[in-house]
Amino acid sequence: MTTCELRRRFRGDEHGQRLADGQEVCGRESCRRKRDDLRQHVAYKEEVASRNGQARCGEPACERRPAGQCSKCNGLFCGGHVEDTTLEERQSGGFARVRVSLCRHCRRRRAIWAQR
């Protein structure tokens, strides 16, 4: 039996969605948004890797050379498209404040993944 992030069990289509590859996705709105975000994130990472392979910033339409790396997606970006910030992240035994670099895409998606 599959559970969502809240550890609630669901059975059948009334509680979620069974995908063609056998995955089950909780029917809650926040779980569906996370599934959709993950699909977009995979496509985004492919686009960034392609741009990086041409020695360009991962941000679409930016022709500058990379100068930093996003701590989340590992893409390379110019100094204007990656920003250092401090976040609280879950680590063994609780939370810790860590210094990271984030691209715009990864900064925006944090709000989706912070939802329960």
N, C-alpha and C. Protein backbone atom coordinates (compact mmCIF):
# COMPACT_ATOMS: atom_id res chain seq x y z
N MET A 1 0.85 -1.18 0.00
CA MET A 1 0.00 0.00 0.00
C MET A 1 0.90 1.24 0.00
N THR A 2 0.52 2.26 -0.70
CA THR A 2 1.30 3.47 -0.83
C THR A 2 0.75 4.55 0.09
N THR A 3 1.63 5.39 0.62
CA THR A 3 1.20 6.49 1.46
C THR A 3 1.73 7.79 0.87
N CYS A 4 1.01 8.88 1.15
CA CYS A 4 1.52 10.18 0.73
C CYS A 4 2.47 10.68 1.81
N GLU A 5 2.99 11.86 1.63
CA GLU A 5 3.94 12.45 2.57
C GLU A 5 3.37 12.55 3.98
N LEU A 6 2.06 12.65 4.10
CA LEU A 6 1.42 12.74 5.42
C LEU A 6 1.19 11.38 6.04
N ARG A 7 1.66 10.34 5.36
CA ARG A 7 1.54 8.97 5.85
C ARG A 7 0.10 8.46 5.88
N ARG A 8 -0.73 9.05 5.07
CA ARG A 8 -2.10 8.59 4.97
C ARG A 8 -2.17 7.55 3.86
N ARG A 9 -2.79 6.45 4.15
CA ARG A 9 -2.90 5.39 3.15
C ARG A 9 -4.06 5.68 2.22
N PHE A 10 -3.89 5.33 0.97
CA PHE A 10 -5.01 5.49 0.06
C PHE A 10 -5.14 4.26 -0.81
N ARG A 11 -6.35 3.99 -1.20
CA ARG A 11 -6.65 2.86 -2.07
C ARG A 11 -7.53 3.36 -3.21
N GLY A 12 -7.23 2.91 -4.40
CA GLY A 12 -8.11 3.20 -5.52
C GLY A 12 -8.04 4.62 -6.01
N ASP A 13 -8.78 4.88 -7.06
CA ASP A 13 -8.75 6.18 -7.73
C ASP A 13 -9.37 7.31 -6.92
N GLU A 14 -10.23 7.00 -5.95
CA GLU A 14 -10.87 8.09 -5.21
C GLU A 14 -9.88 8.80 -4.27
N HIS A 15 -8.75 8.19 -3.97
CA HIS A 15 -7.78 8.81 -3.07
C HIS A 15 -6.51 9.26 -3.78
N GLY A 16 -6.38 8.91 -5.01
CA GLY A 16 -5.17 9.26 -5.72
C GLY A 16 -5.23 8.83 -7.17
N GLN A 17 -4.07 8.77 -7.77
CA GLN A 17 -3.98 8.43 -9.18
C GLN A 17 -2.91 7.37 -9.35
N ARG A 18 -3.21 6.33 -10.09
CA ARG A 18 -2.23 5.29 -10.39
C ARG A 18 -1.69 5.58 -11.80
N LEU A 19 -0.40 5.79 -11.92
CA LEU A 19 0.22 6.11 -13.21
C LEU A 19 0.53 4.84 -13.98
N ALA A 20 0.78 4.98 -15.27
CA ALA A 20 1.04 3.84 -16.13
C ALA A 20 2.25 3.03 -15.68
N ASP A 21 3.22 3.68 -15.07
CA ASP A 21 4.42 2.97 -14.62
C ASP A 21 4.26 2.34 -13.23
N GLY A 22 3.03 2.37 -12.68
CA GLY A 22 2.78 1.75 -11.39
C GLY A 22 2.86 2.69 -10.20
N GLN A 23 3.37 3.88 -10.40
CA GLN A 23 3.44 4.84 -9.29
C GLN A 23 2.04 5.26 -8.87
N GLU A 24 1.88 5.54 -7.60
CA GLU A 24 0.62 6.06 -7.10
C GLU A 24 0.88 7.45 -6.55
N VAL A 25 0.01 8.38 -6.90
CA VAL A 25 0.15 9.77 -6.47
C VAL A 25 -1.07 10.12 -5.64
N CYS A 26 -0.83 10.64 -4.46
CA CYS A 26 -1.90 11.07 -3.57
C CYS A 26 -2.78 12.09 -4.29
N GLY A 27 -4.07 12.09 -3.99
CA GLY A 27 -4.99 13.00 -4.64
C GLY A 27 -5.02 14.40 -4.05
N ARG A 28 -4.29 14.63 -2.94
CA ARG A 28 -4.28 15.97 -2.35
C ARG A 28 -3.66 16.96 -3.33
N GLU A 29 -4.16 18.18 -3.30
CA GLU A 29 -3.68 19.22 -4.21
C GLU A 29 -2.17 19.44 -4.09
N SER A 30 -1.64 19.51 -2.87
CA SER A 30 -0.21 19.76 -2.71
C SER A 30 0.63 18.61 -3.26
N CYS A 31 0.15 17.38 -3.14
CA CYS A 31 0.87 16.24 -3.70
C CYS A 31 0.86 16.28 -5.22
N ARG A 32 -0.27 16.66 -5.81
CA ARG A 32 -0.35 16.78 -7.27
C ARG A 32 0.58 17.88 -7.77
N ARG A 33 0.63 19.00 -7.04
CA ARG A 33 1.53 20.09 -7.44
C ARG A 33 2.99 19.63 -7.40
N LYS A 34 3.34 18.84 -6.40
CA LYS A 34 4.71 18.33 -6.29
C LYS A 34 5.04 17.40 -7.45
N ARG A 35 4.08 16.54 -7.84
CA ARG A 35 4.29 15.65 -8.97
C ARG A 35 4.52 16.47 -10.25
N ASP A 36 3.68 17.46 -10.47
CA ASP A 36 3.81 18.31 -11.65
C ASP A 36 5.13 19.08 -11.63
N ASP A 37 5.50 19.59 -10.45
CA ASP A 37 6.76 20.32 -10.32
C ASP A 37 7.94 19.42 -10.65
N LEU A 38 7.89 18.18 -10.20
CA LEU A 38 9.00 17.27 -10.46
C LEU A 38 9.17 17.03 -11.95
N ARG A 39 8.08 16.87 -12.67
CA ARG A 39 8.15 16.72 -14.14
C ARG A 39 8.79 17.94 -14.78
N GLN A 40 8.37 19.12 -14.36
CA GLN A 40 8.92 20.37 -14.91
C GLN A 40 10.39 20.50 -14.55
N HIS A 41 10.75 20.09 -13.34
CA HIS A 41 12.12 20.21 -12.87
C HIS A 41 13.07 19.33 -13.70
N VAL A 42 12.64 18.13 -14.03
CA VAL A 42 13.46 17.23 -14.85
C VAL A 42 13.70 17.87 -16.23
N ALA A 43 12.66 18.42 -16.83
CA ALA A 43 12.80 19.08 -18.14
C ALA A 43 13.71 20.31 -18.01
N TYR A 44 13.56 21.06 -16.92
CA TYR A 44 14.39 22.24 -16.69
C TYR A 44 15.87 21.84 -16.59
N LYS A 45 16.16 20.80 -15.84
CA LYS A 45 17.55 20.36 -15.69
C LYS A 45 18.16 19.95 -17.02
N GLU A 46 17.36 19.33 -17.89
CA GLU A 46 17.86 18.95 -19.22
C GLU A 46 18.19 20.19 -20.05
N GLU A 47 17.32 21.20 -19.96
CA GLU A 47 17.56 22.44 -20.69
C GLU A 47 18.83 23.15 -20.18
N VAL A 48 18.97 23.19 -18.86
CA VAL A 48 20.15 23.82 -18.26
C VAL A 48 21.42 23.08 -18.68
N ALA A 49 21.39 21.75 -18.65
CA ALA A 49 22.55 20.95 -19.04
C ALA A 49 22.93 21.21 -20.50
N SER A 50 21.93 21.36 -21.35
CA SER A 50 22.19 21.65 -22.75
C SER A 50 22.88 23.01 -22.92
N ARG A 51 22.36 24.00 -22.21
CA ARG A 51 22.96 25.35 -22.28
C ARG A 51 24.37 25.32 -21.69
N ASN A 52 24.54 24.63 -20.57
CA ASN A 52 25.85 24.54 -19.95
C ASN A 52 26.85 23.83 -20.86
N GLY A 53 26.38 22.86 -21.65
CA GLY A 53 27.24 22.16 -22.60
C GLY A 53 27.78 23.07 -23.69
N GLN A 54 27.14 24.22 -23.86
CA GLN A 54 27.58 25.23 -24.83
C GLN A 54 28.28 26.38 -24.12
N ALA A 55 28.69 26.16 -22.86
CA ALA A 55 29.39 27.16 -22.04
C ALA A 55 28.56 28.42 -21.84
N ARG A 56 27.23 28.24 -21.70
CA ARG A 56 26.33 29.36 -21.45
C ARG A 56 25.63 29.18 -20.11
N CYS A 57 25.21 30.29 -19.56
CA CYS A 57 24.41 30.31 -18.34
C CYS A 57 23.17 29.45 -18.55
N GLY A 58 22.73 28.76 -17.51
CA GLY A 58 21.56 27.91 -17.61
C GLY A 58 20.24 28.64 -17.75
N GLU A 59 20.21 29.94 -17.46
CA GLU A 59 18.98 30.72 -17.57
C GLU A 59 18.65 30.95 -19.06
N PRO A 60 17.42 30.62 -19.48
CA PRO A 60 17.05 30.84 -20.89
C PRO A 60 17.30 32.29 -21.32
N ALA A 61 17.76 32.45 -22.52
CA ALA A 61 18.02 33.75 -23.16
C ALA A 61 19.23 34.49 -22.60
N CYS A 62 19.96 33.91 -21.66
CA CYS A 62 21.18 34.55 -21.16
C CYS A 62 22.38 33.96 -21.90
N GLU A 63 23.19 34.82 -22.47
CA GLU A 63 24.33 34.36 -23.25
C GLU A 63 25.65 34.44 -22.48
N ARG A 64 25.57 34.83 -21.21
CA ARG A 64 26.81 34.97 -20.43
C ARG A 64 27.35 33.60 -20.03
N ARG A 65 28.63 33.59 -19.68
CA ARG A 65 29.29 32.35 -19.25
C ARG A 65 28.95 32.08 -17.78
N PRO A 66 28.87 30.81 -17.41
CA PRO A 66 28.58 30.46 -16.02
C PRO A 66 29.68 30.94 -15.07
N ALA A 67 29.26 31.34 -13.87
CA ALA A 67 30.20 31.79 -12.84
C ALA A 67 29.90 31.13 -11.50
N GLY A 68 28.78 30.42 -11.39
CA GLY A 68 28.41 29.77 -10.13
C GLY A 68 27.49 28.59 -10.40
N GLN A 69 27.29 27.80 -9.36
CA GLN A 69 26.49 26.59 -9.49
C GLN A 69 25.35 26.58 -8.48
N CYS A 70 24.17 26.18 -8.92
CA CYS A 70 23.02 26.05 -8.04
C CYS A 70 23.22 24.82 -7.14
N SER A 71 23.02 24.98 -5.87
CA SER A 71 23.19 23.89 -4.91
C SER A 71 22.12 22.82 -5.03
N LYS A 72 21.00 23.13 -5.64
CA LYS A 72 19.89 22.18 -5.73
C LYS A 72 19.87 21.42 -7.05
N CYS A 73 19.91 22.12 -8.18
CA CYS A 73 19.83 21.44 -9.48
C CYS A 73 21.21 21.16 -10.08
N ASN A 74 22.25 21.74 -9.49
CA ASN A 74 23.64 21.59 -9.94
C ASN A 74 23.92 22.23 -11.29
N GLY A 75 22.98 23.04 -11.78
CA GLY A 75 23.20 23.76 -13.03
C GLY A 75 24.19 24.90 -12.82
N LEU A 76 24.81 25.33 -13.91
CA LEU A 76 25.78 26.42 -13.88
C LEU A 76 25.12 27.68 -14.42
N PHE A 77 25.36 28.81 -13.73
CA PHE A 77 24.70 30.07 -14.07
C PHE A 77 25.68 31.22 -13.95
N CYS A 78 25.38 32.31 -14.65
CA CYS A 78 26.19 33.52 -14.51
C CYS A 78 25.92 34.11 -13.11
N GLY A 79 26.73 35.05 -12.70
CA GLY A 79 26.57 35.64 -11.38
C GLY A 79 25.23 36.32 -11.16
N GLY A 80 24.58 36.76 -12.20
CA GLY A 80 23.28 37.42 -12.07
C GLY A 80 22.12 36.45 -11.93
N HIS A 81 22.35 35.17 -12.20
CA HIS A 81 21.25 34.20 -12.16
C HIS A 81 21.44 33.10 -11.12
N VAL A 82 22.35 33.29 -10.21
CA VAL A 82 22.51 32.40 -9.06
C VAL A 82 22.75 33.30 -7.85
N GLU A 83 22.09 32.99 -6.76
CA GLU A 83 22.14 33.86 -5.58
C GLU A 83 22.47 33.05 -4.32
N ASP A 84 23.41 33.54 -3.54
CA ASP A 84 23.73 32.91 -2.25
C ASP A 84 22.67 33.28 -1.23
N THR A 85 22.28 32.29 -0.45
CA THR A 85 21.27 32.51 0.58
C THR A 85 21.46 31.50 1.70
N THR A 86 20.87 31.76 2.84
CA THR A 86 20.90 30.83 3.96
C THR A 86 19.52 30.20 4.12
N LEU A 87 19.48 28.88 4.22
CA LEU A 87 18.22 28.15 4.37
C LEU A 87 18.29 27.25 5.59
N GLU A 88 17.12 26.94 6.12
CA GLU A 88 17.04 25.90 7.14
C GLU A 88 16.70 24.61 6.43
N GLU A 89 17.55 23.60 6.60
CA GLU A 89 17.33 22.34 5.94
C GLU A 89 17.32 21.22 6.95
N ARG A 90 16.49 20.22 6.65
CA ARG A 90 16.38 19.05 7.51
C ARG A 90 17.67 18.24 7.42
N GLN A 91 18.21 17.94 8.56
CA GLN A 91 19.39 17.08 8.63
C GLN A 91 19.15 16.11 9.77
N SER A 92 19.99 15.10 9.87
CA SER A 92 19.78 14.11 10.93
C SER A 92 19.72 14.81 12.28
N GLY A 93 18.68 14.50 13.02
CA GLY A 93 18.54 15.09 14.35
C GLY A 93 17.87 16.44 14.37
N GLY A 94 17.35 16.95 13.25
CA GLY A 94 16.66 18.24 13.29
C GLY A 94 16.94 19.08 12.07
N PHE A 95 17.03 20.39 12.30
CA PHE A 95 17.26 21.34 11.21
C PHE A 95 18.56 22.09 11.46
N ALA A 96 19.17 22.52 10.36
CA ALA A 96 20.40 23.31 10.46
C ALA A 96 20.34 24.42 9.41
N ARG A 97 20.95 25.54 9.73
CA ARG A 97 21.07 26.64 8.78
C ARG A 97 22.28 26.37 7.90
N VAL A 98 22.06 26.38 6.59
CA VAL A 98 23.14 26.11 5.65
C VAL A 98 23.20 27.21 4.60
N ARG A 99 24.36 27.49 4.13
CA ARG A 99 24.58 28.48 3.08
C ARG A 99 24.56 27.76 1.74
N VAL A 100 23.70 28.22 0.83
CA VAL A 100 23.56 27.59 -0.48
C VAL A 100 23.49 28.66 -1.57
N SER A 101 23.69 28.22 -2.79
CA SER A 101 23.48 29.06 -3.97
C SER A 101 22.28 28.50 -4.70
N LEU A 102 21.36 29.37 -5.11
CA LEU A 102 20.15 28.93 -5.78
C LEU A 102 19.91 29.71 -7.07
N CYS A 103 19.50 28.97 -8.11
CA CYS A 103 19.03 29.63 -9.32
C CYS A 103 17.58 30.07 -9.08
N ARG A 104 17.03 30.86 -9.97
CA ARG A 104 15.65 31.35 -9.80
C ARG A 104 14.63 30.21 -9.75
N HIS A 105 14.82 29.25 -10.63
CA HIS A 105 13.90 28.11 -10.69
C HIS A 105 13.85 27.36 -9.35
N CYS A 106 15.00 27.03 -8.80
CA CYS A 106 15.04 26.26 -7.54
C CYS A 106 14.56 27.11 -6.36
N ARG A 107 14.78 28.39 -6.40
CA ARG A 107 14.27 29.27 -5.34
C ARG A 107 12.73 29.28 -5.35
N ARG A 108 12.14 29.36 -6.54
CA ARG A 108 10.67 29.38 -6.66
C ARG A 108 10.05 28.06 -6.22
N ARG A 109 10.67 26.95 -6.55
CA ARG A 109 10.05 25.66 -6.26
C ARG A 109 10.13 25.28 -4.79
N ARG A 110 10.93 25.95 -4.01
CA ARG A 110 11.00 25.65 -2.57
C ARG A 110 9.64 25.82 -1.90
N ALA A 111 8.84 26.80 -2.35
CA ALA A 111 7.53 27.03 -1.75
C ALA A 111 6.61 25.82 -1.94
N ILE A 112 6.69 25.17 -3.06
CA ILE A 112 5.87 23.99 -3.33
C ILE A 112 6.26 22.85 -2.39
N TRP A 113 7.56 22.64 -2.23
CA TRP A 113 8.03 21.51 -1.44
C TRP A 113 7.99 21.77 0.05
N ALA A 114 7.79 23.01 0.45
CA ALA A 114 7.65 23.32 1.88
C ALA A 114 6.26 23.00 2.39
N GLN A 115 5.31 22.83 1.48
CA GLN A 115 3.93 22.52 1.87
C GLN A 115 3.83 21.06 2.29
N ARG A 116 2.95 20.81 3.23
CA ARG A 116 2.71 19.43 3.68
C ARG A 116 1.51 18.88 3.00
